Amino acid sequence: QLQLVESGGGLVQPGGSLRLSCVASGAFTNYYTIGWFRQAPGKEREGIACISSVDVSPNYLDSVKGRFIVSRDNAKNMVYLQMNSLKPEDTAVYYCNVEAAWGQGTQVTVSS
């Protein structure tokens, strides 16, 4: 069974940066497409970025395009989300997803 664990969240000022990490264990294959999602209070979970094993161009939600970068290290079963120029509206719990597996989430709070 695939297990995912996110880390790297925290409190950051507007304009700051954070890097989230997600490590996969269990029946992980490098062929999986990995997605990052987020859920703000009172809002539905939304997909913000995804990266496959073969694409050279990850996909991003328009509101994070140009600020967030998703990458993966298949040798380490890791996927990363570099978040730059953070805004208060980026405040949410961030999750990684592979197939039907979800991590527990990591809280990102952008506030002065």
PDB file of N, CA and C in Angstrom:
ATOM      1  N   GLN A   1       0.846  -1.185   0.000  1.00  0.00           N
ATOM      2  CA  GLN A   1       0.000   0.000   0.000  1.00  0.00           C
ATOM      3  C   GLN A   1       0.881   1.236   0.000  1.00  0.00           C
ATOM      4  N   LEU A   2       0.547   2.148  -0.872  1.00  0.00           N
ATOM      5  CA  LEU A   2       1.344   3.362  -0.992  1.00  0.00           C
ATOM      6  C   LEU A   2       1.043   4.316   0.149  1.00  0.00           C
ATOM      7  N   GLN A   3       2.109   4.887   0.730  1.00  0.00           N
ATOM      8  CA  GLN A   3       1.957   5.871   1.795  1.00  0.00           C
ATOM      9  C   GLN A   3       2.712   7.131   1.425  1.00  0.00           C
ATOM     10  N   LEU A   4       2.121   8.270   1.761  1.00  0.00           N
ATOM     11  CA  LEU A   4       2.701   9.565   1.439  1.00  0.00           C
ATOM     12  C   LEU A   4       2.800  10.399   2.707  1.00  0.00           C
ATOM     13  N   VAL A   5       3.908  11.105   2.866  1.00  0.00           N
ATOM     14  CA  VAL A   5       4.082  11.979   4.022  1.00  0.00           C
ATOM     15  C   VAL A   5       4.630  13.318   3.537  1.00  0.00           C
ATOM     16  N   GLU A   6       3.877  14.384   3.812  1.00  0.00           N
ATOM     17  CA  GLU A   6       4.304  15.725   3.443  1.00  0.00           C
ATOM     18  C   GLU A   6       5.030  16.381   4.611  1.00  0.00           C
ATOM     19  N   SER A   7       5.884  17.340   4.292  1.00  0.00           N
ATOM     20  CA  SER A   7       6.561  18.142   5.301  1.00  0.00           C
ATOM     21  C   SER A   7       6.966  19.463   4.679  1.00  0.00           C
ATOM     22  N   GLY A   8       7.376  20.391   5.545  1.00  0.00           N
ATOM     23  CA  GLY A   8       7.901  21.655   5.049  1.00  0.00           C
ATOM     24  C   GLY A   8       6.985  22.847   5.198  1.00  0.00           C
ATOM     25  N   GLY A   9       5.781  22.628   5.687  1.00  0.00           N
ATOM     26  CA  GLY A   9       4.871  23.747   5.870  1.00  0.00           C
ATOM     27  C   GLY A   9       5.283  24.632   7.029  1.00  0.00           C
ATOM     28  N   GLY A  10       4.595  25.747   7.183  1.00  0.00           N
ATOM     29  CA  GLY A  10       4.897  26.647   8.277  1.00  0.00           C
ATOM     30  C   GLY A  10       4.286  28.005   8.060  1.00  0.00           C
ATOM     31  N   LEU A  11       4.725  28.957   8.877  1.00  0.00           N
ATOM     32  CA  LEU A  11       4.261  30.333   8.794  1.00  0.00           C
ATOM     33  C   LEU A  11       5.296  31.161   8.048  1.00  0.00           C
ATOM     34  N   VAL A  12       4.852  31.905   7.069  1.00  0.00           N
ATOM     35  CA  VAL A  12       5.768  32.723   6.277  1.00  0.00           C
ATOM     36  C   VAL A  12       5.090  34.050   5.968  1.00  0.00           C
ATOM     37  N   GLN A  13       5.885  35.091   5.834  1.00  0.00           N
ATOM     38  CA  GLN A  13       5.351  36.405   5.500  1.00  0.00           C
ATOM     39  C   GLN A  13       5.030  36.485   4.010  1.00  0.00           C
ATOM     40  N   PRO A  14       4.105  37.347   3.647  1.00  0.00           N
ATOM     41  CA  PRO A  14       3.826  37.545   2.218  1.00  0.00           C
ATOM     42  C   PRO A  14       5.106  37.887   1.467  1.00  0.00           C
ATOM     43  N   GLY A  15       5.247  37.276   0.305  1.00  0.00           N
ATOM     44  CA  GLY A  15       6.454  37.447  -0.492  1.00  0.00           C
ATOM     45  C   GLY A  15       7.532  36.432  -0.194  1.00  0.00           C
ATOM     46  N   GLY A  16       7.349  35.666   0.846  1.00  0.00           N
ATOM     47  CA  GLY A  16       8.341  34.678   1.227  1.00  0.00           C
ATOM     48  C   GLY A  16       8.235  33.387   0.439  1.00  0.00           C
ATOM     49  N   SER A  17       9.079  32.432   0.821  1.00  0.00           N
ATOM     50  CA  SER A  17       9.143  31.155   0.119  1.00  0.00           C
ATOM     51  C   SER A  17       9.125  29.996   1.101  1.00  0.00           C
ATOM     52  N   LEU A  18       8.633  28.886   0.622  1.00  0.00           N
ATOM     53  CA  LEU A  18       8.676  27.620   1.357  1.00  0.00           C
ATOM     54  C   LEU A  18       8.888  26.506   0.339  1.00  0.00           C
ATOM     55  N   ARG A  19       9.498  25.419   0.793  1.00  0.00           N
ATOM     56  CA  ARG A  19       9.587  24.232  -0.046  1.00  0.00           C
ATOM     57  C   ARG A  19       8.945  23.064   0.684  1.00  0.00           C
ATOM     58  N   LEU A  20       7.923  22.532   0.075  1.00  0.00           N
ATOM     59  CA  LEU A  20       7.257  21.361   0.611  1.00  0.00           C
ATOM     60  C   LEU A  20       7.879  20.108   0.015  1.00  0.00           C
ATOM     61  N   SER A  21       7.888  19.051   0.822  1.00  0.00           N
ATOM     62  CA  SER A  21       8.397  17.762   0.369  1.00  0.00           C
ATOM     63  C   SER A  21       7.341  16.704   0.599  1.00  0.00           C
ATOM     64  N   CYS A  22       7.370  15.701  -0.233  1.00  0.00           N
ATOM     65  CA  CYS A  22       6.471  14.559  -0.077  1.00  0.00           C
ATOM     66  C   CYS A  22       7.285  13.304  -0.366  1.00  0.00           C
ATOM     67  N   VAL A  23       7.339  12.419   0.604  1.00  0.00           N
ATOM     68  CA  VAL A  23       8.063  11.163   0.407  1.00  0.00           C
ATOM     69  C   VAL A  23       7.053  10.035   0.293  1.00  0.00           C
ATOM     70  N   ALA A  24       7.299   9.167  -0.662  1.00  0.00           N
ATOM     71  CA  ALA A  24       6.411   8.029  -0.905  1.00  0.00           C
ATOM     72  C   ALA A  24       7.083   6.740  -0.479  1.00  0.00           C
ATOM     73  N   SER A  25       6.327   5.866   0.119  1.00  0.00           N
ATOM     74  CA  SER A  25       6.855   4.560   0.501  1.00  0.00           C
ATOM     75  C   SER A  25       5.809   3.507   0.140  1.00  0.00           C
ATOM     76  N   GLY A  26       6.233   2.283   0.169  1.00  0.00           N
ATOM     77  CA  GLY A  26       5.323   1.207  -0.196  1.00  0.00           C
ATOM     78  C   GLY A  26       5.461   0.884  -1.659  1.00  0.00           C
ATOM     79  N   ALA A  27       4.349   0.585  -2.273  1.00  0.00           N
ATOM     80  CA  ALA A  27       4.356   0.133  -3.663  1.00  0.00           C
ATOM     81  C   ALA A  27       4.454   1.319  -4.616  1.00  0.00           C
ATOM     82  N   PHE A  28       5.566   2.020  -4.540  1.00  0.00           N
ATOM     83  CA  PHE A  28       5.735   3.217  -5.360  1.00  0.00           C
ATOM     84  C   PHE A  28       6.427   2.849  -6.661  1.00  0.00           C
ATOM     85  N   THR A  29       5.959   3.435  -7.731  1.00  0.00           N
ATOM     86  CA  THR A  29       6.601   3.256  -9.021  1.00  0.00           C
ATOM     87  C   THR A  29       6.908   4.612  -9.610  1.00  0.00           C
ATOM     88  N   ASN A  30       8.028   4.680 -10.279  1.00  0.00           N
ATOM     89  CA  ASN A  30       8.429   5.941 -10.879  1.00  0.00           C
ATOM     90  C   ASN A  30       7.486   6.390 -11.995  1.00  0.00           C
ATOM     91  N   TYR A  31       6.565   5.532 -12.388  1.00  0.00           N
ATOM     92  CA  TYR A  31       5.659   5.875 -13.473  1.00  0.00           C
ATOM     93  C   TYR A  31       4.426   6.630 -12.995  1.00  0.00           C
ATOM     94  N   TYR A  32       4.291   6.789 -11.711  1.00  0.00           N
ATOM     95  CA  TYR A  32       3.135   7.504 -11.189  1.00  0.00           C
ATOM     96  C   TYR A  32       3.186   8.981 -11.555  1.00  0.00           C
ATOM     97  N   THR A  33       2.028   9.534 -11.798  1.00  0.00           N
ATOM     98  CA  THR A  33       1.881  10.984 -11.817  1.00  0.00           C
ATOM     99  C   THR A  33       1.579  11.432 -10.395  1.00  0.00           C
ATOM    100  N   ILE A  34       2.298  12.456  -9.935  1.00  0.00           N
ATOM    101  CA  ILE A  34       2.147  12.948  -8.571  1.00  0.00           C
ATOM    102  C   ILE A  34       1.555  14.335  -8.611  1.00  0.00           C
ATOM    103  N   GLY A  35       0.564  14.557  -7.771  1.00  0.00           N
ATOM    104  CA  GLY A  35      -0.085  15.858  -7.735  1.00  0.00           C
ATOM    105  C   GLY A  35       0.033  16.523  -6.373  1.00  0.00           C
ATOM    106  N   TRP A  36       0.026  17.839  -6.392  1.00  0.00           N
ATOM    107  CA  TRP A  36      -0.083  18.647  -5.178  1.00  0.00           C
ATOM    108  C   TRP A  36      -1.453  19.319  -5.177  1.00  0.00           C
ATOM    109  N   PHE A  37      -2.118  19.244  -4.048  1.00  0.00           N
ATOM    110  CA  PHE A  37      -3.419  19.848  -3.866  1.00  0.00           C
ATOM    111  C   PHE A  37      -3.359  20.736  -2.626  1.00  0.00           C
ATOM    112  N   ARG A  38      -4.351  21.588  -2.499  1.00  0.00           N
ATOM    113  CA  ARG A  38      -4.454  22.365  -1.274  1.00  0.00           C
ATOM    114  C   ARG A  38      -5.925  22.588  -0.942  1.00  0.00           C
ATOM    115  N   GLN A  39      -6.164  22.805   0.333  1.00  0.00           N
ATOM    116  CA  GLN A  39      -7.522  23.070   0.788  1.00  0.00           C
ATOM    117  C   GLN A  39      -7.487  24.172   1.833  1.00  0.00           C
ATOM    118  N   ALA A  40      -8.109  25.278   1.491  1.00  0.00           N
ATOM    119  CA  ALA A  40      -8.214  26.405   2.414  1.00  0.00           C
ATOM    120  C   ALA A  40      -9.477  26.241   3.243  1.00  0.00           C
ATOM    121  N   PRO A  41      -9.534  26.873   4.414  1.00  0.00           N
ATOM    122  CA  PRO A  41     -10.725  26.768   5.267  1.00  0.00           C
ATOM    123  C   PRO A  41     -11.984  27.188   4.515  1.00  0.00           C
ATOM    124  N   GLY A  42     -12.984  26.339   4.568  1.00  0.00           N
ATOM    125  CA  GLY A  42     -14.255  26.651   3.942  1.00  0.00           C
ATOM    126  C   GLY A  42     -14.285  26.496   2.440  1.00  0.00           C
ATOM    127  N   LYS A  43     -13.199  25.989   1.874  1.00  0.00           N
ATOM    128  CA  LYS A  43     -13.134  25.826   0.418  1.00  0.00           C
ATOM    129  C   LYS A  43     -12.881  24.369   0.061  1.00  0.00           C
ATOM    130  N   GLU A  44     -13.173  24.050  -1.200  1.00  0.00           N
ATOM    131  CA  GLU A  44     -12.927  22.707  -1.677  1.00  0.00           C
ATOM    132  C   GLU A  44     -11.436  22.511  -1.969  1.00  0.00           C
ATOM    133  N   ARG A  45     -11.032  21.252  -1.907  1.00  0.00           N
ATOM    134  CA  ARG A  45      -9.656  20.931  -2.260  1.00  0.00           C
ATOM    135  C   ARG A  45      -9.452  21.176  -3.752  1.00  0.00           C
ATOM    136  N   GLU A  46      -8.324  21.802  -4.091  1.00  0.00           N
ATOM    137  CA  GLU A  46      -8.044  22.101  -5.491  1.00  0.00           C
ATOM    138  C   GLU A  46      -6.661  21.604  -5.873  1.00  0.00           C
ATOM    139  N   GLY A  47      -6.562  21.148  -7.087  1.00  0.00           N
ATOM    140  CA  GLY A  47      -5.275  20.720  -7.607  1.00  0.00           C
ATOM    141  C   GLY A  47      -4.464  21.914  -8.044  1.00  0.00           C
ATOM    142  N   ILE A  48      -3.194  21.986  -7.658  1.00  0.00           N
ATOM    143  CA  ILE A  48      -2.371  23.135  -7.993  1.00  0.00           C
ATOM    144  C   ILE A  48      -1.185  22.788  -8.884  1.00  0.00           C
ATOM    145  N   ALA A  49      -0.733  21.551  -8.854  1.00  0.00           N
ATOM    146  CA  ALA A  49       0.403  21.172  -9.687  1.00  0.00           C
ATOM    147  C   ALA A  49       0.467  19.661  -9.806  1.00  0.00           C
ATOM    148  N   CYS A  50       0.939  19.204 -10.941  1.00  0.00           N
ATOM    149  CA  CYS A  50       1.156  17.773 -11.082  1.00  0.00           C
ATOM    150  C   CYS A  50       2.350  17.545 -11.990  1.00  0.00           C
ATOM    151  N   ILE A  51       3.010  16.424 -11.750  1.00  0.00           N
ATOM    152  CA  ILE A  51       4.197  16.083 -12.517  1.00  0.00           C
ATOM    153  C   ILE A  51       4.183  14.594 -12.787  1.00  0.00           C
ATOM    154  N   SER A  52       4.449  14.225 -14.020  1.00  0.00           N
ATOM    155  CA  SER A  52       4.481  12.815 -14.380  1.00  0.00           C
ATOM    156  C   SER A  52       5.934  12.373 -14.502  1.00  0.00           C
ATOM    157  N   SER A  53       6.115  11.122 -14.817  1.00  0.00           N
ATOM    158  CA  SER A  53       7.467  10.595 -14.944  1.00  0.00           C
ATOM    159  C   SER A  53       8.052  10.881 -16.312  1.00  0.00           C
ATOM    160  N   VAL A  54       7.210  11.276 -17.251  1.00  0.00           N
ATOM    161  CA  VAL A  54       7.702  11.450 -18.614  1.00  0.00           C
ATOM    162  C   VAL A  54       7.588  12.881 -19.114  1.00  0.00           C
ATOM    163  N   ASP A  55       6.653  13.647 -18.532  1.00  0.00           N
ATOM    164  CA  ASP A  55       6.490  15.024 -19.004  1.00  0.00           C
ATOM    165  C   ASP A  55       7.679  15.867 -18.618  1.00  0.00           C
ATOM    166  N   VAL A  56       8.055  16.730 -19.471  1.00  0.00           N
ATOM    167  CA  VAL A  56       9.076  17.718 -19.120  1.00  0.00           C
ATOM    168  C   VAL A  56       8.437  19.016 -18.681  1.00  0.00           C
ATOM    169  N   SER A  57       7.135  19.149 -18.885  1.00  0.00           N
ATOM    170  CA  SER A  57       6.429  20.365 -18.506  1.00  0.00           C
ATOM    171  C   SER A  57       5.314  20.021 -17.526  1.00  0.00           C
ATOM    172  N   PRO A  58       5.546  20.212 -16.235  1.00  0.00           N
ATOM    173  CA  PRO A  58       4.482  19.990 -15.264  1.00  0.00           C
ATOM    174  C   PRO A  58       3.315  20.945 -15.510  1.00  0.00           C
ATOM    175  N   ASN A  59       2.174  20.595 -14.962  1.00  0.00           N
ATOM    176  CA  ASN A  59       1.004  21.450 -15.087  1.00  0.00           C
ATOM    177  C   ASN A  59       0.749  22.195 -13.789  1.00  0.00           C
ATOM    178  N   TYR A  60       0.267  23.423 -13.918  1.00  0.00           N
ATOM    179  CA  TYR A  60       0.010  24.262 -12.752  1.00  0.00           C
ATOM    180  C   TYR A  60      -1.346  24.939 -12.848  1.00  0.00           C
ATOM    181  N   LEU A  61      -1.931  25.160 -11.680  1.00  0.00           N
ATOM    182  CA  LEU A  61      -3.101  26.014 -11.594  1.00  0.00           C
ATOM    183  C   LEU A  61      -2.672  27.431 -11.964  1.00  0.00           C
ATOM    184  N   ASP A  62      -3.534  28.129 -12.675  1.00  0.00           N
ATOM    185  CA  ASP A  62      -3.153  29.470 -13.141  1.00  0.00           C
ATOM    186  C   ASP A  62      -2.705  30.386 -12.010  1.00  0.00           C
ATOM    187  N   SER A  63      -3.342  30.284 -10.872  1.00  0.00           N
ATOM    188  CA  SER A  63      -3.038  31.216  -9.782  1.00  0.00           C
ATOM    189  C   SER A  63      -1.661  30.988  -9.164  1.00  0.00           C
ATOM    190  N   VAL A  64      -1.032  29.847  -9.441  1.00  0.00           N
ATOM    191  CA  VAL A  64       0.303  29.589  -8.885  1.00  0.00           C
ATOM    192  C   VAL A  64       1.373  29.538  -9.973  1.00  0.00           C
ATOM    193  N   LYS A  65       0.937  29.590 -11.218  1.00  0.00           N
ATOM    194  CA  LYS A  65       1.883  29.511 -12.330  1.00  0.00           C
ATOM    195  C   LYS A  65       2.864  30.674 -12.256  1.00  0.00           C
ATOM    196  N   GLY A  66       4.150  30.353 -12.410  1.00  0.00           N
ATOM    197  CA  GLY A  66       5.182  31.369 -12.331  1.00  0.00           C
ATOM    198  C   GLY A  66       5.705  31.594 -10.925  1.00  0.00           C
ATOM    199  N   ARG A  67       5.014  31.063  -9.931  1.00  0.00           N
ATOM    200  CA  ARG A  67       5.457  31.218  -8.529  1.00  0.00           C
ATOM    201  C   ARG A  67       5.839  29.886  -7.907  1.00  0.00           C
ATOM    202  N   PHE A  68       5.152  28.828  -8.292  1.00  0.00           N
ATOM    203  CA  PHE A  68       5.393  27.500  -7.726  1.00  0.00           C
ATOM    204  C   PHE A  68       6.105  26.628  -8.755  1.00  0.00           C
ATOM    205  N   ILE A  69       6.980  25.774  -8.247  1.00  0.00           N
ATOM    206  CA  ILE A  69       7.686  24.831  -9.114  1.00  0.00           C
ATOM    207  C   ILE A  69       7.607  23.444  -8.492  1.00  0.00           C
ATOM    208  N   VAL A  70       7.129  22.481  -9.261  1.00  0.00           N
ATOM    209  CA  VAL A  70       7.057  21.098  -8.788  1.00  0.00           C
ATOM    210  C   VAL A  70       8.188  20.310  -9.433  1.00  0.00           C
ATOM    211  N   SER A  71       8.799  19.453  -8.644  1.00  0.00           N
ATOM    212  CA  SER A  71       9.884  18.616  -9.152  1.00  0.00           C
ATOM    213  C   SER A  71       9.843  17.275  -8.423  1.00  0.00           C
ATOM    214  N   ARG A  72      10.574  16.321  -8.956  1.00  0.00           N
ATOM    215  CA  ARG A  72      10.601  15.009  -8.318  1.00  0.00           C
ATOM    216  C   ARG A  72      11.996  14.415  -8.406  1.00  0.00           C
ATOM    217  N   ASP A  73      12.302  13.560  -7.438  1.00  0.00           N
ATOM    218  CA  ASP A  73      13.541  12.806  -7.411  1.00  0.00           C
ATOM    219  C   ASP A  73      13.148  11.342  -7.315  1.00  0.00           C
ATOM    220  N   ASN A  74      13.112  10.681  -8.446  1.00  0.00           N
ATOM    221  CA  ASN A  74      12.634   9.300  -8.470  1.00  0.00           C
ATOM    222  C   ASN A  74      13.524   8.368  -7.664  1.00  0.00           C
ATOM    223  N   ALA A  75      14.801   8.672  -7.597  1.00  0.00           N
ATOM    224  CA  ALA A  75      15.722   7.804  -6.848  1.00  0.00           C
ATOM    225  C   ALA A  75      15.397   7.807  -5.363  1.00  0.00           C
ATOM    226  N   LYS A  76      14.819   8.906  -4.901  1.00  0.00           N
ATOM    227  CA  LYS A  76      14.489   9.035  -3.477  1.00  0.00           C
ATOM    228  C   LYS A  76      12.994   8.918  -3.211  1.00  0.00           C
ATOM    229  N   ASN A  77      12.209   8.666  -4.247  1.00  0.00           N
ATOM    230  CA  ASN A  77      10.746   8.626  -4.117  1.00  0.00           C
ATOM    231  C   ASN A  77      10.216   9.915  -3.503  1.00  0.00           C
ATOM    232  N   MET A  78      10.770  11.021  -3.931  1.00  0.00           N
ATOM    233  CA  MET A  78      10.406  12.322  -3.375  1.00  0.00           C
ATOM    234  C   MET A  78       9.812  13.217  -4.447  1.00  0.00           C
ATOM    235  N   VAL A  79       8.900  14.057  -4.033  1.00  0.00           N
ATOM    236  CA  VAL A  79       8.403  15.128  -4.890  1.00  0.00           C
ATOM    237  C   VAL A  79       8.405  16.406  -4.066  1.00  0.00           C
ATOM    238  N   TYR A  80       8.699  17.512  -4.710  1.00  0.00           N
ATOM    239  CA  TYR A  80       8.859  18.784  -4.025  1.00  0.00           C
ATOM    240  C   TYR A  80       7.930  19.827  -4.632  1.00  0.00           C
ATOM    241  N   LEU A  81       7.582  20.803  -3.814  1.00  0.00           N
ATOM    242  CA  LEU A  81       6.843  21.960  -4.314  1.00  0.00           C
ATOM    243  C   LEU A  81       7.536  23.201  -3.768  1.00  0.00           C
ATOM    244  N   GLN A  82       8.269  23.871  -4.627  1.00  0.00           N
ATOM    245  CA  GLN A  82       8.909  25.133  -4.264  1.00  0.00           C
ATOM    246  C   GLN A  82       7.899  26.240  -4.456  1.00  0.00           C
ATOM    247  N   MET A  83       7.615  26.970  -3.404  1.00  0.00           N
ATOM    248  CA  MET A  83       6.601  28.019  -3.450  1.00  0.00           C
ATOM    249  C   MET A  83       7.273  29.361  -3.189  1.00  0.00           C
ATOM    250  N   ASN A  84       7.216  30.238  -4.159  1.00  0.00           N
ATOM    251  CA  ASN A  84       7.830  31.560  -4.066  1.00  0.00           C
ATOM    252  C   ASN A  84       6.764  32.643  -4.146  1.00  0.00           C
ATOM    253  N   SER A  85       7.136  33.835  -3.731  1.00  0.00           N
ATOM    254  CA  SER A  85       6.221  34.989  -3.783  1.00  0.00           C
ATOM    255  C   SER A  85       4.864  34.629  -3.185  1.00  0.00           C
ATOM    256  N   LEU A  86       4.908  34.046  -2.018  1.00  0.00           N
ATOM    257  CA  LEU A  86       3.673  33.572  -1.395  1.00  0.00           C
ATOM    258  C   LEU A  86       2.751  34.725  -1.034  1.00  0.00           C
ATOM    259  N   LYS A  87       1.464  34.440  -1.149  1.00  0.00           N
ATOM    260  CA  LYS A  87       0.425  35.421  -0.867  1.00  0.00           C
ATOM    261  C   LYS A  87      -0.496  34.892   0.245  1.00  0.00           C
ATOM    262  N   PRO A  88      -1.185  35.765   0.936  1.00  0.00           N
ATOM    263  CA  PRO A  88      -2.110  35.295   1.981  1.00  0.00           C
ATOM    264  C   PRO A  88      -3.128  34.289   1.446  1.00  0.00           C
ATOM    265  N   GLU A  89      -3.525  34.436   0.213  1.00  0.00           N
ATOM    266  CA  GLU A  89      -4.498  33.496  -0.352  1.00  0.00           C
ATOM    267  C   GLU A  89      -3.911  32.122  -0.638  1.00  0.00           C
ATOM    268  N   ASP A  90      -2.624  31.953  -0.462  1.00  0.00           N
ATOM    269  CA  ASP A  90      -2.008  30.630  -0.574  1.00  0.00           C
ATOM    270  C   ASP A  90      -2.136  29.832   0.724  1.00  0.00           C
ATOM    271  N   THR A  91      -2.644  30.481   1.758  1.00  0.00           N
ATOM    272  CA  THR A  91      -2.826  29.794   3.042  1.00  0.00           C
ATOM    273  C   THR A  91      -3.786  28.629   2.883  1.00  0.00           C
ATOM    274  N   ALA A  92      -3.329  27.449   3.268  1.00  0.00           N
ATOM    275  CA  ALA A  92      -4.125  26.226   3.097  1.00  0.00           C
ATOM    276  C   ALA A  92      -3.347  25.055   3.675  1.00  0.00           C
ATOM    277  N   VAL A  93      -4.014  23.929   3.755  1.00  0.00           N
ATOM    278  CA  VAL A  93      -3.330  22.664   4.008  1.00  0.00           C
ATOM    279  C   VAL A  93      -2.971  22.072   2.645  1.00  0.00           C
ATOM    280  N   TYR A  94      -1.733  21.702   2.496  1.00  0.00           N
ATOM    281  CA  TYR A  94      -1.217  21.204   1.227  1.00  0.00           C
ATOM    282  C   TYR A  94      -1.025  19.691   1.310  1.00  0.00           C
ATOM    283  N   TYR A  95      -1.478  19.009   0.260  1.00  0.00           N
ATOM    284  CA  TYR A  95      -1.442  17.552   0.214  1.00  0.00           C
ATOM    285  C   TYR A  95      -0.749  17.091  -1.063  1.00  0.00           C
ATOM    286  N   CYS A  96      -0.044  15.977  -0.968  1.00  0.00           N
ATOM    287  CA  CYS A  96       0.385  15.312  -2.192  1.00  0.00           C
ATOM    288  C   CYS A  96      -0.494  14.094  -2.429  1.00  0.00           C
ATOM    289  N   ASN A  97      -0.572  13.723  -3.683  1.00  0.00           N
ATOM    290  CA  ASN A  97      -1.500  12.667  -4.085  1.00  0.00           C
ATOM    291  C   ASN A  97      -0.872  11.820  -5.169  1.00  0.00           C
ATOM    292  N   VAL A  98      -1.005  10.513  -5.021  1.00  0.00           N
ATOM    293  CA  VAL A  98      -0.616   9.561  -6.049  1.00  0.00           C
ATOM    294  C   VAL A  98      -1.715   8.510  -6.130  1.00  0.00           C
ATOM    295  N   GLU A  99      -2.324   8.416  -7.280  1.00  0.00           N
ATOM    296  CA  GLU A  99      -3.445   7.477  -7.469  1.00  0.00           C
ATOM    297  C   GLU A  99      -4.491   7.759  -6.378  1.00  0.00           C
ATOM    298  N   ALA A 100      -4.829   6.761  -5.570  1.00  0.00           N
ATOM    299  CA  ALA A 100      -5.835   6.944  -4.519  1.00  0.00           C
ATOM    300  C   ALA A 100      -5.214   7.292  -3.172  1.00  0.00           C
ATOM    301  N   ALA A 101      -3.910   7.453  -3.122  1.00  0.00           N
ATOM    302  CA  ALA A 101      -3.226   7.702  -1.851  1.00  0.00           C
ATOM    303  C   ALA A 101      -3.048   9.188  -1.605  1.00  0.00           C
ATOM    304  N   TRP A 102      -3.301   9.593  -0.357  1.00  0.00           N
ATOM    305  CA  TRP A 102      -3.133  10.979   0.070  1.00  0.00           C
ATOM    306  C   TRP A 102      -2.261  11.016   1.313  1.00  0.00           C
ATOM    307  N   GLY A 103      -1.468  12.080   1.411  1.00  0.00           N
ATOM    308  CA  GLY A 103      -0.747  12.308   2.647  1.00  0.00           C
ATOM    309  C   GLY A 103      -1.658  12.944   3.686  1.00  0.00           C
ATOM    310  N   GLN A 104      -1.079  13.226   4.852  1.00  0.00           N
ATOM    311  CA  GLN A 104      -1.863  13.805   5.943  1.00  0.00           C
ATOM    312  C   GLN A 104      -1.989  15.322   5.808  1.00  0.00           C
ATOM    313  N   GLY A 105      -1.178  15.893   4.939  1.00  0.00           N
ATOM    314  CA  GLY A 105      -1.225  17.322   4.709  1.00  0.00           C
ATOM    315  C   GLY A 105      -0.233  18.076   5.571  1.00  0.00           C
ATOM    316  N   THR A 106       0.163  19.246   5.097  1.00  0.00           N
ATOM    317  CA  THR A 106       1.037  20.135   5.850  1.00  0.00           C
ATOM    318  C   THR A 106       0.487  21.553   5.731  1.00  0.00           C
ATOM    319  N   GLN A 107       0.407  22.234   6.865  1.00  0.00           N
ATOM    320  CA  GLN A 107      -0.221  23.560   6.906  1.00  0.00           C
ATOM    321  C   GLN A 107       0.755  24.632   6.423  1.00  0.00           C
ATOM    322  N   VAL A 108       0.281  25.454   5.517  1.00  0.00           N
ATOM    323  CA  VAL A 108       1.023  26.633   5.068  1.00  0.00           C
ATOM    324  C   VAL A 108       0.187  27.858   5.416  1.00  0.00           C
ATOM    325  N   THR A 109       0.783  28.769   6.165  1.00  0.00           N
ATOM    326  CA  THR A 109       0.103  30.003   6.547  1.00  0.00           C
ATOM    327  C   THR A 109       0.946  31.184   6.094  1.00  0.00           C
ATOM    328  N   VAL A 110       0.343  32.038   5.292  1.00  0.00           N
ATOM    329  CA  VAL A 110       1.027  33.229   4.785  1.00  0.00           C
ATOM    330  C   VAL A 110       0.387  34.442   5.435  1.00  0.00           C
ATOM    331  N   SER A 111       1.146  35.069   6.312  1.00  0.00           N
ATOM    332  CA  SER A 111       0.587  36.182   7.073  1.00  0.00           C
ATOM    333  C   SER A 111       1.705  37.058   7.588  1.00  0.00           C
ATOM    334  N   SER A 112       1.412  38.355   7.703  1.00  0.00           N
ATOM    335  CA  SER A 112       2.381  39.269   8.298  1.00  0.00           C
ATOM    336  C   SER A 112       2.115  39.429   9.780  1.00  0.00           C
TER     337      SER A 112
END
